[in-house]
Amino acid sequence: MKPLFVIQDEMFYKEDFLDDITEYDDIIPIIQERAKLIKLDIIECTDLNDCCNKTKSNLYGEIVGYIDEEENFIFQEEIEEYRKQYGEKFLNLYVIRIYKCLSCKKWIIDIME
């Protein structure tokens, strides 16, 4: 199996994704582009993970950005350059969050808008 992307030596395989990965076809390339810059932390959720019901522990990483009126994704560190070029357009916060269960290694993508 070939991983979709690798973050801090942690491999993320399409086969281990919990949802319908085709719903994230526009998000996967963003994660692949930024994978080397994402930092993974271990977090504890309030409930047991739905994937295996064995642990509350997950690896967690995020990409913070914004979506403009044309649905373009702008990375946090590009915002200043974007504003110089396009002015003070209204931007929506858009955070791509990645969770990977420490027990069964299943993973999900969660979007916070």
N, C-alpha and C. Protein backbone atom coordinates (compact mmCIF):
# COMPACT_ATOMS: atom_id res chain seq x y z
N MET A 1 0.84 -1.19 0.00
CA MET A 1 0.00 0.00 0.00
C MET A 1 0.87 1.24 0.00
N LYS A 2 0.47 2.19 -0.80
CA LYS A 2 1.19 3.46 -0.87
C LYS A 2 0.39 4.50 -0.08
N PRO A 3 1.06 5.23 0.83
CA PRO A 3 0.32 6.24 1.61
C PRO A 3 -0.12 7.41 0.72
N LEU A 4 -1.25 8.01 1.10
CA LEU A 4 -1.70 9.24 0.44
C LEU A 4 -0.75 10.38 0.75
N PHE A 5 -0.30 10.42 2.03
CA PHE A 5 0.66 11.41 2.47
C PHE A 5 1.31 10.91 3.76
N VAL A 6 2.44 11.54 4.09
CA VAL A 6 3.19 11.20 5.30
C VAL A 6 3.41 12.49 6.08
N ILE A 7 3.06 12.45 7.37
CA ILE A 7 3.27 13.59 8.26
C ILE A 7 4.13 13.11 9.41
N GLN A 8 5.30 13.71 9.58
CA GLN A 8 6.23 13.35 10.66
C GLN A 8 6.42 11.83 10.75
N ASP A 9 6.72 11.20 9.64
CA ASP A 9 6.95 9.76 9.53
C ASP A 9 5.71 8.91 9.80
N GLU A 10 4.56 9.52 9.99
CA GLU A 10 3.30 8.80 10.18
C GLU A 10 2.60 8.71 8.83
N MET A 11 2.33 7.48 8.39
CA MET A 11 1.73 7.26 7.08
C MET A 11 0.21 7.24 7.17
N PHE A 12 -0.41 7.89 6.19
CA PHE A 12 -1.87 7.96 6.11
C PHE A 12 -2.29 7.27 4.82
N TYR A 13 -2.97 6.12 4.97
CA TYR A 13 -3.38 5.31 3.84
C TYR A 13 -4.86 5.53 3.51
N LYS A 14 -5.15 5.53 2.23
CA LYS A 14 -6.53 5.67 1.76
C LYS A 14 -7.42 4.59 2.39
N GLU A 15 -6.91 3.39 2.49
CA GLU A 15 -7.68 2.26 3.00
C GLU A 15 -8.06 2.39 4.47
N ASP A 16 -7.34 3.22 5.21
CA ASP A 16 -7.61 3.42 6.64
C ASP A 16 -8.50 4.62 6.92
N PHE A 17 -8.95 5.30 5.86
CA PHE A 17 -9.80 6.46 6.06
C PHE A 17 -11.20 6.01 6.44
N LEU A 18 -11.80 6.64 7.44
CA LEU A 18 -13.09 6.19 7.98
C LEU A 18 -14.31 6.60 7.18
N ASP A 19 -14.26 7.69 6.46
CA ASP A 19 -15.40 8.19 5.71
C ASP A 19 -15.21 7.90 4.22
N ASP A 20 -16.07 8.50 3.42
CA ASP A 20 -15.94 8.42 1.97
C ASP A 20 -14.88 9.43 1.54
N ILE A 21 -13.72 8.95 1.19
CA ILE A 21 -12.60 9.84 0.89
C ILE A 21 -12.85 10.70 -0.35
N THR A 22 -13.76 10.28 -1.23
CA THR A 22 -14.04 11.09 -2.42
C THR A 22 -14.68 12.43 -2.05
N GLU A 23 -15.26 12.51 -0.86
CA GLU A 23 -15.82 13.79 -0.40
C GLU A 23 -14.72 14.81 -0.09
N TYR A 24 -13.48 14.35 -0.02
CA TYR A 24 -12.35 15.21 0.33
C TYR A 24 -11.34 15.32 -0.82
N ASP A 25 -11.80 15.05 -2.03
CA ASP A 25 -10.90 15.12 -3.20
C ASP A 25 -10.23 16.48 -3.36
N ASP A 26 -10.89 17.55 -2.93
CA ASP A 26 -10.30 18.88 -3.04
C ASP A 26 -9.38 19.20 -1.85
N ILE A 27 -9.49 18.44 -0.77
CA ILE A 27 -8.70 18.68 0.45
C ILE A 27 -7.40 17.89 0.45
N ILE A 28 -7.43 16.67 -0.07
CA ILE A 28 -6.24 15.80 -0.07
C ILE A 28 -5.03 16.48 -0.71
N PRO A 29 -5.14 17.13 -1.87
CA PRO A 29 -3.96 17.80 -2.45
C PRO A 29 -3.39 18.90 -1.55
N ILE A 30 -4.25 19.59 -0.81
CA ILE A 30 -3.77 20.62 0.12
C ILE A 30 -2.94 19.96 1.23
N ILE A 31 -3.44 18.86 1.76
CA ILE A 31 -2.70 18.14 2.81
C ILE A 31 -1.39 17.61 2.25
N GLN A 32 -1.42 17.04 1.06
CA GLN A 32 -0.20 16.52 0.45
C GLN A 32 0.84 17.62 0.26
N GLU A 33 0.39 18.78 -0.17
CA GLU A 33 1.30 19.92 -0.38
C GLU A 33 1.94 20.38 0.93
N ARG A 34 1.19 20.36 2.01
CA ARG A 34 1.66 20.89 3.29
C ARG A 34 2.14 19.83 4.28
N ALA A 35 2.13 18.57 3.90
CA ALA A 35 2.42 17.47 4.84
C ALA A 35 3.72 17.67 5.61
N LYS A 36 4.75 18.16 4.96
CA LYS A 36 6.05 18.35 5.63
C LYS A 36 6.01 19.46 6.68
N LEU A 37 5.01 20.33 6.60
CA LEU A 37 4.92 21.46 7.53
C LEU A 37 3.96 21.22 8.69
N ILE A 38 3.18 20.15 8.60
CA ILE A 38 2.19 19.87 9.65
C ILE A 38 2.88 19.23 10.84
N LYS A 39 2.51 19.69 12.02
CA LYS A 39 3.03 19.12 13.27
C LYS A 39 1.93 18.27 13.88
N LEU A 40 2.27 17.04 14.23
CA LEU A 40 1.32 16.14 14.89
C LEU A 40 1.52 16.18 16.40
N ASP A 41 0.41 16.28 17.10
CA ASP A 41 0.41 16.22 18.56
C ASP A 41 -0.49 15.06 18.98
N ILE A 42 -0.29 14.57 20.18
CA ILE A 42 -1.19 13.57 20.73
C ILE A 42 -2.23 14.30 21.58
N ILE A 43 -3.49 14.02 21.29
CA ILE A 43 -4.57 14.65 22.05
C ILE A 43 -5.48 13.56 22.60
N GLU A 44 -6.23 13.92 23.62
CA GLU A 44 -7.24 13.04 24.20
C GLU A 44 -8.62 13.63 23.91
N CYS A 45 -9.48 12.86 23.28
CA CYS A 45 -10.86 13.29 23.04
C CYS A 45 -11.69 12.99 24.29
N THR A 46 -12.87 13.53 24.36
CA THR A 46 -13.72 13.32 25.54
C THR A 46 -14.36 11.94 25.55
N ASP A 47 -14.64 11.37 24.37
CA ASP A 47 -15.25 10.05 24.28
C ASP A 47 -14.30 9.09 23.58
N LEU A 48 -14.59 7.80 23.70
CA LEU A 48 -13.82 6.81 22.97
C LEU A 48 -13.97 7.05 21.47
N ASN A 49 -12.92 6.77 20.74
CA ASN A 49 -12.97 6.93 19.28
C ASN A 49 -14.00 5.96 18.70
N ASP A 50 -14.80 6.46 17.76
CA ASP A 50 -15.84 5.64 17.13
C ASP A 50 -15.26 4.47 16.32
N CYS A 51 -14.04 4.61 15.84
CA CYS A 51 -13.46 3.61 14.96
C CYS A 51 -13.26 2.25 15.64
N CYS A 52 -12.82 2.26 16.90
CA CYS A 52 -12.52 1.00 17.57
C CYS A 52 -13.04 0.92 19.00
N ASN A 53 -13.47 2.04 19.54
CA ASN A 53 -13.96 2.11 20.93
C ASN A 53 -12.96 1.60 21.95
N LYS A 54 -11.66 1.80 21.67
CA LYS A 54 -10.61 1.32 22.57
C LYS A 54 -9.82 2.43 23.24
N THR A 55 -9.80 3.61 22.64
CA THR A 55 -8.98 4.69 23.17
C THR A 55 -9.61 6.04 22.87
N LYS A 56 -9.17 7.03 23.61
CA LYS A 56 -9.55 8.42 23.35
C LYS A 56 -8.37 9.17 22.73
N SER A 57 -7.25 8.49 22.57
CA SER A 57 -6.00 9.12 22.10
C SER A 57 -5.93 9.15 20.59
N ASN A 58 -5.51 10.31 20.08
CA ASN A 58 -5.36 10.51 18.64
C ASN A 58 -4.13 11.33 18.35
N LEU A 59 -3.57 11.10 17.17
CA LEU A 59 -2.63 12.06 16.60
C LEU A 59 -3.49 13.15 15.98
N TYR A 60 -3.04 14.39 16.11
CA TYR A 60 -3.83 15.51 15.60
C TYR A 60 -2.90 16.50 14.91
N GLY A 61 -3.31 16.93 13.73
CA GLY A 61 -2.60 17.97 13.01
C GLY A 61 -3.60 18.86 12.30
N GLU A 62 -3.17 20.08 11.97
CA GLU A 62 -4.10 21.00 11.31
C GLU A 62 -3.38 21.90 10.32
N ILE A 63 -4.17 22.36 9.36
CA ILE A 63 -3.73 23.37 8.41
C ILE A 63 -4.72 24.53 8.54
N VAL A 64 -4.21 25.70 8.89
CA VAL A 64 -5.06 26.87 9.06
C VAL A 64 -4.97 27.72 7.81
N GLY A 65 -6.14 28.09 7.30
CA GLY A 65 -6.18 28.94 6.13
C GLY A 65 -7.50 29.67 6.05
N TYR A 66 -7.75 30.23 4.88
CA TYR A 66 -8.96 30.99 4.63
C TYR A 66 -9.49 30.66 3.25
N ILE A 67 -10.77 30.85 3.08
CA ILE A 67 -11.42 30.68 1.78
C ILE A 67 -11.94 32.04 1.35
N ASP A 68 -11.60 32.42 0.09
CA ASP A 68 -12.10 33.70 -0.40
C ASP A 68 -13.44 33.51 -1.11
N GLU A 69 -13.96 34.59 -1.68
CA GLU A 69 -15.28 34.56 -2.33
C GLU A 69 -15.33 33.61 -3.51
N GLU A 70 -14.19 33.34 -4.13
CA GLU A 70 -14.13 32.43 -5.28
C GLU A 70 -13.79 31.00 -4.87
N GLU A 71 -13.84 30.72 -3.56
CA GLU A 71 -13.57 29.38 -3.02
C GLU A 71 -12.09 28.97 -3.16
N ASN A 72 -11.19 29.94 -3.24
CA ASN A 72 -9.76 29.66 -3.26
C ASN A 72 -9.26 29.51 -1.82
N PHE A 73 -8.38 28.55 -1.60
CA PHE A 73 -7.80 28.33 -0.28
C PHE A 73 -6.52 29.14 -0.16
N ILE A 74 -6.42 29.94 0.89
CA ILE A 74 -5.24 30.77 1.14
C ILE A 74 -4.64 30.32 2.46
N PHE A 75 -3.37 29.91 2.45
CA PHE A 75 -2.70 29.48 3.68
C PHE A 75 -2.49 30.66 4.61
N GLN A 76 -2.46 30.38 5.88
CA GLN A 76 -2.28 31.41 6.91
C GLN A 76 -1.07 32.30 6.60
N GLU A 77 0.04 31.68 6.22
CA GLU A 77 1.25 32.47 5.98
C GLU A 77 1.22 33.24 4.66
N GLU A 78 0.20 33.01 3.83
CA GLU A 78 0.07 33.73 2.56
C GLU A 78 -0.90 34.90 2.65
N ILE A 79 -1.53 35.07 3.78
CA ILE A 79 -2.61 36.05 3.92
C ILE A 79 -2.14 37.48 3.67
N GLU A 80 -0.96 37.81 4.16
CA GLU A 80 -0.45 39.16 3.97
C GLU A 80 -0.23 39.47 2.48
N GLU A 81 0.38 38.54 1.78
CA GLU A 81 0.62 38.71 0.35
C GLU A 81 -0.70 38.76 -0.42
N TYR A 82 -1.66 37.94 -0.01
CA TYR A 82 -2.98 37.94 -0.64
C TYR A 82 -3.64 39.31 -0.51
N ARG A 83 -3.57 39.87 0.68
CA ARG A 83 -4.20 41.18 0.91
C ARG A 83 -3.50 42.29 0.13
N LYS A 84 -2.19 42.19 -0.04
CA LYS A 84 -1.47 43.18 -0.86
C LYS A 84 -1.96 43.12 -2.30
N GLN A 85 -2.20 41.91 -2.78
CA GLN A 85 -2.58 41.71 -4.17
C GLN A 85 -4.07 41.98 -4.41
N TYR A 86 -4.94 41.55 -3.48
CA TYR A 86 -6.39 41.62 -3.71
C TYR A 86 -7.12 42.59 -2.78
N GLY A 87 -6.42 43.19 -1.85
CA GLY A 87 -7.07 44.11 -0.93
C GLY A 87 -7.74 43.39 0.24
N GLU A 88 -8.56 44.10 0.93
CA GLU A 88 -9.21 43.60 2.14
C GLU A 88 -10.53 42.90 1.84
N LYS A 89 -10.47 41.86 1.03
CA LYS A 89 -11.67 41.08 0.72
C LYS A 89 -12.08 40.28 1.96
N PHE A 90 -13.36 39.94 2.02
CA PHE A 90 -13.86 39.12 3.12
C PHE A 90 -13.35 37.69 2.94
N LEU A 91 -12.76 37.15 3.99
CA LEU A 91 -12.25 35.78 3.97
C LEU A 91 -12.87 34.99 5.11
N ASN A 92 -13.18 33.74 4.85
CA ASN A 92 -13.71 32.85 5.88
C ASN A 92 -12.60 31.95 6.41
N LEU A 93 -12.51 31.85 7.73
CA LEU A 93 -11.57 30.93 8.35
C LEU A 93 -11.90 29.51 7.91
N TYR A 94 -10.87 28.73 7.60
CA TYR A 94 -11.06 27.35 7.12
C TYR A 94 -9.91 26.53 7.67
N VAL A 95 -10.21 25.62 8.58
CA VAL A 95 -9.17 24.81 9.21
C VAL A 95 -9.39 23.35 8.83
N ILE A 96 -8.36 22.75 8.28
CA ILE A 96 -8.37 21.33 7.95
C ILE A 96 -7.75 20.60 9.14
N ARG A 97 -8.54 19.75 9.78
CA ARG A 97 -8.05 19.02 10.95
C ARG A 97 -7.97 17.53 10.62
N ILE A 98 -6.88 16.92 11.02
CA ILE A 98 -6.63 15.51 10.76
C ILE A 98 -6.49 14.79 12.09
N TYR A 99 -7.26 13.73 12.26
CA TYR A 99 -7.21 12.91 13.47
C TYR A 99 -6.87 11.47 13.08
N LYS A 100 -5.94 10.86 13.81
CA LYS A 100 -5.61 9.46 13.57
C LYS A 100 -5.59 8.71 14.89
N CYS A 101 -6.40 7.67 14.99
CA CYS A 101 -6.52 6.88 16.21
C CYS A 101 -5.19 6.20 16.53
N LEU A 102 -4.77 6.30 17.77
CA LEU A 102 -3.51 5.67 18.17
C LEU A 102 -3.65 4.16 18.37
N SER A 103 -4.87 3.68 18.47
CA SER A 103 -5.07 2.25 18.66
C SER A 103 -5.18 1.50 17.33
N CYS A 104 -6.12 1.87 16.50
CA CYS A 104 -6.36 1.10 15.26
C CYS A 104 -5.78 1.76 14.00
N LYS A 105 -5.29 3.00 14.13
CA LYS A 105 -4.66 3.75 13.02
C LYS A 105 -5.63 4.24 11.96
N LYS A 106 -6.93 4.14 12.20
CA LYS A 106 -7.91 4.73 11.29
C LYS A 106 -7.83 6.25 11.44
N TRP A 107 -8.18 6.98 10.38
CA TRP A 107 -8.07 8.43 10.44
C TRP A 107 -9.24 9.11 9.74
N ILE A 108 -9.42 10.38 10.11
CA ILE A 108 -10.48 11.19 9.52
C ILE A 108 -9.96 12.60 9.24
N ILE A 109 -10.69 13.29 8.41
CA ILE A 109 -10.47 14.71 8.16
C ILE A 109 -11.72 15.43 8.66
N ASP A 110 -11.51 16.51 9.37
CA ASP A 110 -12.61 17.33 9.86
C ASP A 110 -12.35 18.76 9.42
N ILE A 111 -13.37 19.42 8.92
CA ILE A 111 -13.23 20.80 8.46
C ILE A 111 -13.94 21.72 9.44
N MET A 112 -13.24 22.75 9.87
CA MET A 112 -13.84 23.77 10.72
C MET A 112 -13.93 25.05 9.92
N GLU A 113 -15.15 25.54 9.75
CA GLU A 113 -15.37 26.77 8.98
C GLU A 113 -15.89 27.84 9.90
